[in-house]
Amino acid sequence: MGPEAKFYQKLKRNFKSISLIRIENSSLHGTPDLLGYNNSGHFFTLELKVTRSNKIRFSPHQIAFHVKHPKNTYICIEHLGSGTVKLFRGSRIMELEACGFKLDACRLGLDACRLELEACGL
């Protein structure tokens, strides 16, 4: 199991109040990894990334998706060296690409990320 798959399993274990659906899609490039549904009845997308450095790699299709769909889209990144998890709004993908993991996140840590996604759409 690769690092991103392990990260997904960690989120599934810790985000029990949120329905996470893995999107396996090779026909629509740039589609985020997960479709989420919270207890408030709101959908959101979640792009997962795992890194060992500051650099976060996005395809042009991923960038285009988040630019076109700036609301209720998120990017969740785990730094393998430190184990730090950060959550970013999809609308900040250009800044994230330029600044990398050092960019200030909207939420830091698994619990804070879960709380943000539970409140999405409120």
C-alpha atoms as a PDB file:
ATOM      1  CA  MET A   1       0.000   0.000   0.000  1.00  0.00           C
ATOM      2  CA  GLY A   2       1.412   3.366  -1.045  1.00  0.00           C
ATOM      3  CA  PRO A   3       1.728   6.472   1.151  1.00  0.00           C
ATOM      4  CA  GLU A   4      -1.418   8.124  -0.224  1.00  0.00           C
ATOM      5  CA  ALA A   5      -3.483   4.961   0.313  1.00  0.00           C
ATOM      6  CA  LYS A   6      -2.191   4.783   3.910  1.00  0.00           C
ATOM      7  CA  PHE A   7      -3.134   8.436   4.391  1.00  0.00           C
ATOM      8  CA  TYR A   8      -6.641   7.702   3.107  1.00  0.00           C
ATOM      9  CA  GLN A   9      -6.983   4.831   5.605  1.00  0.00           C
ATOM     10  CA  LYS A  10      -5.872   7.156   8.415  1.00  0.00           C
ATOM     11  CA  LEU A  11      -8.530   9.692   7.435  1.00  0.00           C
ATOM     12  CA  LYS A  12     -11.218   6.974   7.279  1.00  0.00           C
ATOM     13  CA  ARG A  13     -10.306   5.879  10.825  1.00  0.00           C
ATOM     14  CA  ASN A  14     -10.314   9.428  12.216  1.00  0.00           C
ATOM     15  CA  PHE A  15     -13.209  11.013  10.279  1.00  0.00           C
ATOM     16  CA  LYS A  16     -15.962   8.597  11.359  1.00  0.00           C
ATOM     17  CA  SER A  17     -18.663  11.294  11.272  1.00  0.00           C
ATOM     18  CA  ILE A  18     -17.949  11.997   7.593  1.00  0.00           C
ATOM     19  CA  SER A  19     -18.744   9.696   4.682  1.00  0.00           C
ATOM     20  CA  LEU A  20     -15.622   9.539   2.477  1.00  0.00           C
ATOM     21  CA  ILE A  21     -15.969   7.983  -0.957  1.00  0.00           C
ATOM     22  CA  ARG A  22     -12.785   7.236  -2.883  1.00  0.00           C
ATOM     23  CA  ILE A  23     -13.079   8.377  -6.499  1.00  0.00           C
ATOM     24  CA  GLU A  24     -11.140   6.140  -8.875  1.00  0.00           C
ATOM     25  CA  ASN A  25     -11.364   8.065 -12.108  1.00  0.00           C
ATOM     26  CA  SER A  26      -8.999   7.819 -15.050  1.00  0.00           C
ATOM     27  CA  SER A  27     -11.309   9.495 -17.565  1.00  0.00           C
ATOM     28  CA  LEU A  28     -11.665  12.919 -15.917  1.00  0.00           C
ATOM     29  CA  HIS A  29      -8.141  14.044 -15.121  1.00  0.00           C
ATOM     30  CA  GLY A  30      -7.821  16.380 -12.135  1.00  0.00           C
ATOM     31  CA  THR A  31     -10.861  15.053 -10.259  1.00  0.00           C
ATOM     32  CA  PRO A  32     -10.049  15.033  -6.507  1.00  0.00           C
ATOM     33  CA  ASP A  33      -9.399  11.754  -4.701  1.00  0.00           C
ATOM     34  CA  LEU A  34     -12.386  11.808  -2.360  1.00  0.00           C
ATOM     35  CA  LEU A  35     -16.000  12.871  -2.304  1.00  0.00           C
ATOM     36  CA  GLY A  36     -17.108  13.698   1.231  1.00  0.00           C
ATOM     37  CA  TYR A  37     -20.538  14.069   2.773  1.00  0.00           C
ATOM     38  CA  ASN A  38     -20.963  15.514   6.267  1.00  0.00           C
ATOM     39  CA  ASN A  39     -23.782  15.151   8.811  1.00  0.00           C
ATOM     40  CA  SER A  40     -25.138  18.566   7.783  1.00  0.00           C
ATOM     41  CA  GLY A  41     -25.912  17.163   4.333  1.00  0.00           C
ATOM     42  CA  HIS A  42     -23.174  18.967   2.424  1.00  0.00           C
ATOM     43  CA  PHE A  43     -20.839  17.493  -0.164  1.00  0.00           C
ATOM     44  CA  PHE A  44     -17.204  18.477  -0.624  1.00  0.00           C
ATOM     45  CA  THR A  45     -14.173  17.163  -2.459  1.00  0.00           C
ATOM     46  CA  LEU A  46     -10.825  16.335  -0.930  1.00  0.00           C
ATOM     47  CA  GLU A  47      -7.532  16.025  -2.796  1.00  0.00           C
ATOM     48  CA  LEU A  48      -4.962  13.966  -0.873  1.00  0.00           C
ATOM     49  CA  LYS A  49      -1.244  14.613  -1.067  1.00  0.00           C
ATOM     50  CA  VAL A  50       1.709  13.123   0.783  1.00  0.00           C
ATOM     51  CA  THR A  51       5.132  14.754   0.744  1.00  0.00           C
ATOM     52  CA  ARG A  52       8.588  14.311   2.225  1.00  0.00           C
ATOM     53  CA  SER A  53       9.638  17.886   1.447  1.00  0.00           C
ATOM     54  CA  ASN A  54       8.114  21.345   1.136  1.00  0.00           C
ATOM     55  CA  LYS A  55       7.230  20.849  -2.544  1.00  0.00           C
ATOM     56  CA  ILE A  56       3.685  19.767  -3.396  1.00  0.00           C
ATOM     57  CA  ARG A  57       3.171  18.434  -6.912  1.00  0.00           C
ATOM     58  CA  PHE A  58      -0.077  19.132  -8.763  1.00  0.00           C
ATOM     59  CA  SER A  59      -0.964  18.262 -12.327  1.00  0.00           C
ATOM     60  CA  PRO A  60      -2.283  21.063 -14.557  1.00  0.00           C
ATOM     61  CA  HIS A  61      -5.640  19.241 -14.468  1.00  0.00           C
ATOM     62  CA  GLN A  62      -5.743  19.314 -10.661  1.00  0.00           C
ATOM     63  CA  ILE A  63      -4.967  23.026 -10.661  1.00  0.00           C
ATOM     64  CA  ALA A  64      -7.653  23.681 -13.261  1.00  0.00           C
ATOM     65  CA  PHE A  65     -10.234  21.741 -11.230  1.00  0.00           C
ATOM     66  CA  HIS A  66      -9.638  23.760  -8.066  1.00  0.00           C
ATOM     67  CA  VAL A  67      -9.525  27.078  -9.918  1.00  0.00           C
ATOM     68  CA  LYS A  68     -12.836  26.287 -11.598  1.00  0.00           C
ATOM     69  CA  HIS A  69     -14.432  24.877  -8.395  1.00  0.00           C
ATOM     70  CA  PRO A  70     -13.205  27.061  -5.507  1.00  0.00           C
ATOM     71  CA  LYS A  71     -16.022  26.306  -3.038  1.00  0.00           C
ATOM     72  CA  ASN A  72     -16.323  23.189  -0.897  1.00  0.00           C
ATOM     73  CA  THR A  73     -13.051  21.838  -2.277  1.00  0.00           C
ATOM     74  CA  TYR A  74     -10.102  21.021  -0.048  1.00  0.00           C
ATOM     75  CA  ILE A  75      -6.550  19.727  -0.242  1.00  0.00           C
ATOM     76  CA  CYS A  76      -5.295  17.641   2.674  1.00  0.00           C
ATOM     77  CA  ILE A  77      -1.548  17.051   2.916  1.00  0.00           C
ATOM     78  CA  GLU A  78       0.488  14.829   5.201  1.00  0.00           C
ATOM     79  CA  HIS A  79       4.192  15.507   5.678  1.00  0.00           C
ATOM     80  CA  LEU A  80       5.831  12.099   6.094  1.00  0.00           C
ATOM     81  CA  GLY A  81       8.881  13.393   7.951  1.00  0.00           C
ATOM     82  CA  SER A  82       6.993  15.182  10.717  1.00  0.00           C
ATOM     83  CA  GLY A  83       3.603  13.462  10.464  1.00  0.00           C
ATOM     84  CA  THR A  84       1.979  16.899  10.276  1.00  0.00           C
ATOM     85  CA  VAL A  85      -1.404  17.065   8.529  1.00  0.00           C
ATOM     86  CA  LYS A  86      -2.597  20.331   6.999  1.00  0.00           C
ATOM     87  CA  LEU A  87      -5.873  21.246   5.320  1.00  0.00           C
ATOM     88  CA  PHE A  88      -6.095  23.927   2.631  1.00  0.00           C
ATOM     89  CA  ARG A  89      -9.089  25.300   0.770  1.00  0.00           C
ATOM     90  CA  GLY A  90      -8.987  24.388  -2.917  1.00  0.00           C
ATOM     91  CA  SER A  91      -9.188  28.085  -3.811  1.00  0.00           C
ATOM     92  CA  ARG A  92      -5.590  28.425  -2.558  1.00  0.00           C
ATOM     93  CA  ILE A  93      -4.078  25.847  -4.917  1.00  0.00           C
ATOM     94  CA  MET A  94      -1.972  28.410  -6.800  1.00  0.00           C
ATOM     95  CA  GLU A  95      -0.450  29.686  -3.538  1.00  0.00           C
ATOM     96  CA  LEU A  96       0.091  26.106  -2.383  1.00  0.00           C
ATOM     97  CA  GLU A  97       1.862  25.226  -5.601  1.00  0.00           C
ATOM     98  CA  ALA A  98       4.117  28.303  -5.274  1.00  0.00           C
ATOM     99  CA  CYS A  99       4.843  28.137  -1.508  1.00  0.00           C
ATOM    100  CA  GLY A 100       4.505  24.434  -0.770  1.00  0.00           C
ATOM    101  CA  PHE A 101       3.864  22.841   2.605  1.00  0.00           C
ATOM    102  CA  LYS A 102       5.150  25.887   4.506  1.00  0.00           C
ATOM    103  CA  LEU A 103       2.029  27.846   3.433  1.00  0.00           C
ATOM    104  CA  ASP A 104      -0.272  28.586   6.372  1.00  0.00           C
ATOM    105  CA  ALA A 105      -3.159  26.122   6.340  1.00  0.00           C
ATOM    106  CA  CYS A 106      -6.790  26.762   7.226  1.00  0.00           C
ATOM    107  CA  ARG A 107      -6.486  23.836   9.679  1.00  0.00           C
ATOM    108  CA  LEU A 108      -3.555  21.992  11.268  1.00  0.00           C
ATOM    109  CA  GLY A 109      -3.837  18.447  12.639  1.00  0.00           C
ATOM    110  CA  LEU A 110      -6.329  15.638  12.043  1.00  0.00           C
ATOM    111  CA  ASP A 111      -8.903  16.793  14.608  1.00  0.00           C
ATOM    112  CA  ALA A 112      -8.941  20.370  13.302  1.00  0.00           C
ATOM    113  CA  CYS A 113      -9.248  19.101   9.713  1.00  0.00           C
ATOM    114  CA  ARG A 114     -12.188  16.887  10.688  1.00  0.00           C
ATOM    115  CA  LEU A 115     -13.949  19.778  12.426  1.00  0.00           C
ATOM    116  CA  GLU A 116     -13.544  21.990   9.335  1.00  0.00           C
ATOM    117  CA  LEU A 117     -15.006  19.327   7.046  1.00  0.00           C
ATOM    118  CA  GLU A 118     -17.869  18.608   9.458  1.00  0.00           C
ATOM    119  CA  ALA A 119     -18.748  22.328   9.317  1.00  0.00           C
ATOM    120  CA  CYS A 120     -18.406  22.598   5.527  1.00  0.00           C
ATOM    121  CA  GLY A 121     -21.467  24.219   3.997  1.00  0.00           C
ATOM    122  CA  LEU A 122     -22.799  25.773   7.193  1.00  0.00           C
END
